[in-house]
Amino acid sequence: MNPMIKTLFEYIERMKDEIDTLKKGKVTLATPSHICLRERAIEKVKVEIQKISATLNPQIPEPYASMSRDEILGGIGQYEKMVLVNTNEW
């Protein structure tokens, strides 16, 4: 996976964890603001990931766009190639 995109995904996960911690902890007047700021940060990071993904390969969505062929095939398994021969002889 592209190192920058990997870092951005890790950032999103960290922000989600912080939101969960804020929701579970003691609620203060600032808590809704802190949650809102983190949610906005997540949305901005998602936009950045989409921009990077579009420049890498516009036809494949993330996280696949920044993965190597071997990483993708390692995750789903590799299929054997089959050659079809024309058997319709007259």
C-alpha atoms as a PDB file:
ATOM      1  CA  MET A   1       0.000   0.000   0.000  1.00  0.00           C
ATOM      2  CA  ASN A   2       1.154   3.544  -0.671  1.00  0.00           C
ATOM      3  CA  PRO A   3       2.919   4.782   2.507  1.00  0.00           C
ATOM      4  CA  MET A   4       1.074   8.113   2.547  1.00  0.00           C
ATOM      5  CA  ILE A   5      -2.321   6.460   2.190  1.00  0.00           C
ATOM      6  CA  LYS A   6      -1.423   3.927   4.874  1.00  0.00           C
ATOM      7  CA  THR A   7      -0.526   6.788   7.222  1.00  0.00           C
ATOM      8  CA  LEU A   8      -3.820   8.530   6.457  1.00  0.00           C
ATOM      9  CA  PHE A   9      -5.832   5.372   7.162  1.00  0.00           C
ATOM     10  CA  GLU A  10      -3.983   4.991  10.470  1.00  0.00           C
ATOM     11  CA  TYR A  11      -4.819   8.612  11.284  1.00  0.00           C
ATOM     12  CA  ILE A  12      -8.519   7.952  10.615  1.00  0.00           C
ATOM     13  CA  GLU A  13      -8.457   4.942  12.933  1.00  0.00           C
ATOM     14  CA  ARG A  14      -6.769   7.004  15.646  1.00  0.00           C
ATOM     15  CA  MET A  15      -9.399   9.748  15.311  1.00  0.00           C
ATOM     16  CA  LYS A  16     -12.215   7.155  15.541  1.00  0.00           C
ATOM     17  CA  ASP A  17     -10.636   5.722  18.682  1.00  0.00           C
ATOM     18  CA  GLU A  18     -10.415   9.207  20.189  1.00  0.00           C
ATOM     19  CA  ILE A  19     -14.073   9.866  19.370  1.00  0.00           C
ATOM     20  CA  ASP A  20     -15.050   6.612  21.087  1.00  0.00           C
ATOM     21  CA  THR A  21     -12.958   7.562  24.120  1.00  0.00           C
ATOM     22  CA  LEU A  22     -14.576  10.990  24.279  1.00  0.00           C
ATOM     23  CA  LYS A  23     -18.063   9.492  24.050  1.00  0.00           C
ATOM     24  CA  LYS A  24     -17.332   7.003  26.828  1.00  0.00           C
ATOM     25  CA  GLY A  25     -15.627   9.481  29.129  1.00  0.00           C
ATOM     26  CA  LYS A  26     -16.850  12.339  31.266  1.00  0.00           C
ATOM     27  CA  VAL A  27     -18.907  14.760  29.191  1.00  0.00           C
ATOM     28  CA  THR A  28     -17.941  18.418  29.481  1.00  0.00           C
ATOM     29  CA  LEU A  29     -19.015  21.488  27.568  1.00  0.00           C
ATOM     30  CA  ALA A  30     -16.037  21.015  25.235  1.00  0.00           C
ATOM     31  CA  THR A  31     -16.715  17.341  24.435  1.00  0.00           C
ATOM     32  CA  PRO A  32     -19.122  17.954  21.510  1.00  0.00           C
ATOM     33  CA  SER A  33     -16.629  20.379  19.973  1.00  0.00           C
ATOM     34  CA  HIS A  34     -13.782  17.881  20.284  1.00  0.00           C
ATOM     35  CA  ILE A  35     -15.901  15.170  18.688  1.00  0.00           C
ATOM     36  CA  CYS A  36     -16.994  17.471  15.861  1.00  0.00           C
ATOM     37  CA  LEU A  37     -13.407  18.535  15.124  1.00  0.00           C
ATOM     38  CA  ARG A  38     -12.289  14.928  14.876  1.00  0.00           C
ATOM     39  CA  GLU A  39     -15.218  14.016  12.607  1.00  0.00           C
ATOM     40  CA  ARG A  40     -14.349  16.912  10.310  1.00  0.00           C
ATOM     41  CA  ALA A  41     -10.705  15.834  10.298  1.00  0.00           C
ATOM     42  CA  ILE A  42     -11.771  12.346   9.240  1.00  0.00           C
ATOM     43  CA  GLU A  43     -13.824  13.748   6.354  1.00  0.00           C
ATOM     44  CA  LYS A  44     -10.905  15.897   5.171  1.00  0.00           C
ATOM     45  CA  VAL A  45      -8.524  12.946   5.306  1.00  0.00           C
ATOM     46  CA  LYS A  46     -10.973  10.827   3.285  1.00  0.00           C
ATOM     47  CA  VAL A  47     -10.997  13.518   0.599  1.00  0.00           C
ATOM     48  CA  GLU A  48      -7.191  13.498   0.537  1.00  0.00           C
ATOM     49  CA  ILE A  49      -7.151   9.708   0.204  1.00  0.00           C
ATOM     50  CA  GLN A  50      -9.545   9.961  -2.748  1.00  0.00           C
ATOM     51  CA  LYS A  51      -7.310  12.564  -4.417  1.00  0.00           C
ATOM     52  CA  ILE A  52      -4.197  10.437  -3.976  1.00  0.00           C
ATOM     53  CA  SER A  53      -6.045   7.331  -5.126  1.00  0.00           C
ATOM     54  CA  ALA A  54      -7.294   9.088  -8.253  1.00  0.00           C
ATOM     55  CA  THR A  55      -3.745  10.017  -9.246  1.00  0.00           C
ATOM     56  CA  LEU A  56      -2.436   6.489  -8.631  1.00  0.00           C
ATOM     57  CA  ASN A  57      -5.113   4.632 -10.534  1.00  0.00           C
ATOM     58  CA  PRO A  58      -8.454   6.281 -11.205  1.00  0.00           C
ATOM     59  CA  GLN A  59     -10.269   3.026 -11.968  1.00  0.00           C
ATOM     60  CA  ILE A  60      -9.540   1.112  -8.759  1.00  0.00           C
ATOM     61  CA  PRO A  61     -10.827   2.248  -5.325  1.00  0.00           C
ATOM     62  CA  GLU A  62      -8.686   2.427  -2.206  1.00  0.00           C
ATOM     63  CA  PRO A  63      -7.096   0.523  -0.587  1.00  0.00           C
ATOM     64  CA  TYR A  64      -6.549  -1.562  -3.744  1.00  0.00           C
ATOM     65  CA  ALA A  65      -5.285   1.321  -5.893  1.00  0.00           C
ATOM     66  CA  SER A  66      -2.097   1.693  -3.908  1.00  0.00           C
ATOM     67  CA  MET A  67      -1.457  -2.022  -3.391  1.00  0.00           C
ATOM     68  CA  SER A  68       0.928  -4.064  -5.469  1.00  0.00           C
ATOM     69  CA  ARG A  69      -0.312  -6.958  -7.572  1.00  0.00           C
ATOM     70  CA  ASP A  70       1.192  -9.453  -5.127  1.00  0.00           C
ATOM     71  CA  GLU A  71      -0.522  -7.800  -2.144  1.00  0.00           C
ATOM     72  CA  ILE A  72      -3.913  -7.991  -3.848  1.00  0.00           C
ATOM     73  CA  LEU A  73      -3.489 -11.574  -5.043  1.00  0.00           C
ATOM     74  CA  GLY A  74      -2.102 -12.612  -1.675  1.00  0.00           C
ATOM     75  CA  GLY A  75      -5.308 -11.443  -0.062  1.00  0.00           C
ATOM     76  CA  ILE A  76      -7.741 -13.083  -2.473  1.00  0.00           C
ATOM     77  CA  GLY A  77      -5.733 -16.009  -3.802  1.00  0.00           C
ATOM     78  CA  GLN A  78      -4.358 -16.448  -7.275  1.00  0.00           C
ATOM     79  CA  TYR A  79      -6.297 -18.148  -9.996  1.00  0.00           C
ATOM     80  CA  GLU A  80      -4.740 -20.313 -12.653  1.00  0.00           C
ATOM     81  CA  LYS A  81      -4.943 -19.085 -16.202  1.00  0.00           C
ATOM     82  CA  MET A  82      -6.946 -21.312 -18.507  1.00  0.00           C
ATOM     83  CA  VAL A  83      -6.565 -21.362 -22.253  1.00  0.00           C
ATOM     84  CA  LEU A  84      -9.710 -22.087 -24.232  1.00  0.00           C
ATOM     85  CA  VAL A  85      -9.246 -23.790 -27.537  1.00  0.00           C
ATOM     86  CA  ASN A  86     -11.819 -23.517 -30.273  1.00  0.00           C
ATOM     87  CA  THR A  87     -13.490 -26.943 -30.395  1.00  0.00           C
ATOM     88  CA  ASN A  88     -16.146 -25.997 -32.935  1.00  0.00           C
ATOM     89  CA  GLU A  89     -14.813 -27.730 -36.012  1.00  0.00           C
ATOM     90  CA  TRP A  90     -17.037 -28.278 -39.030  1.00  0.00           C
END
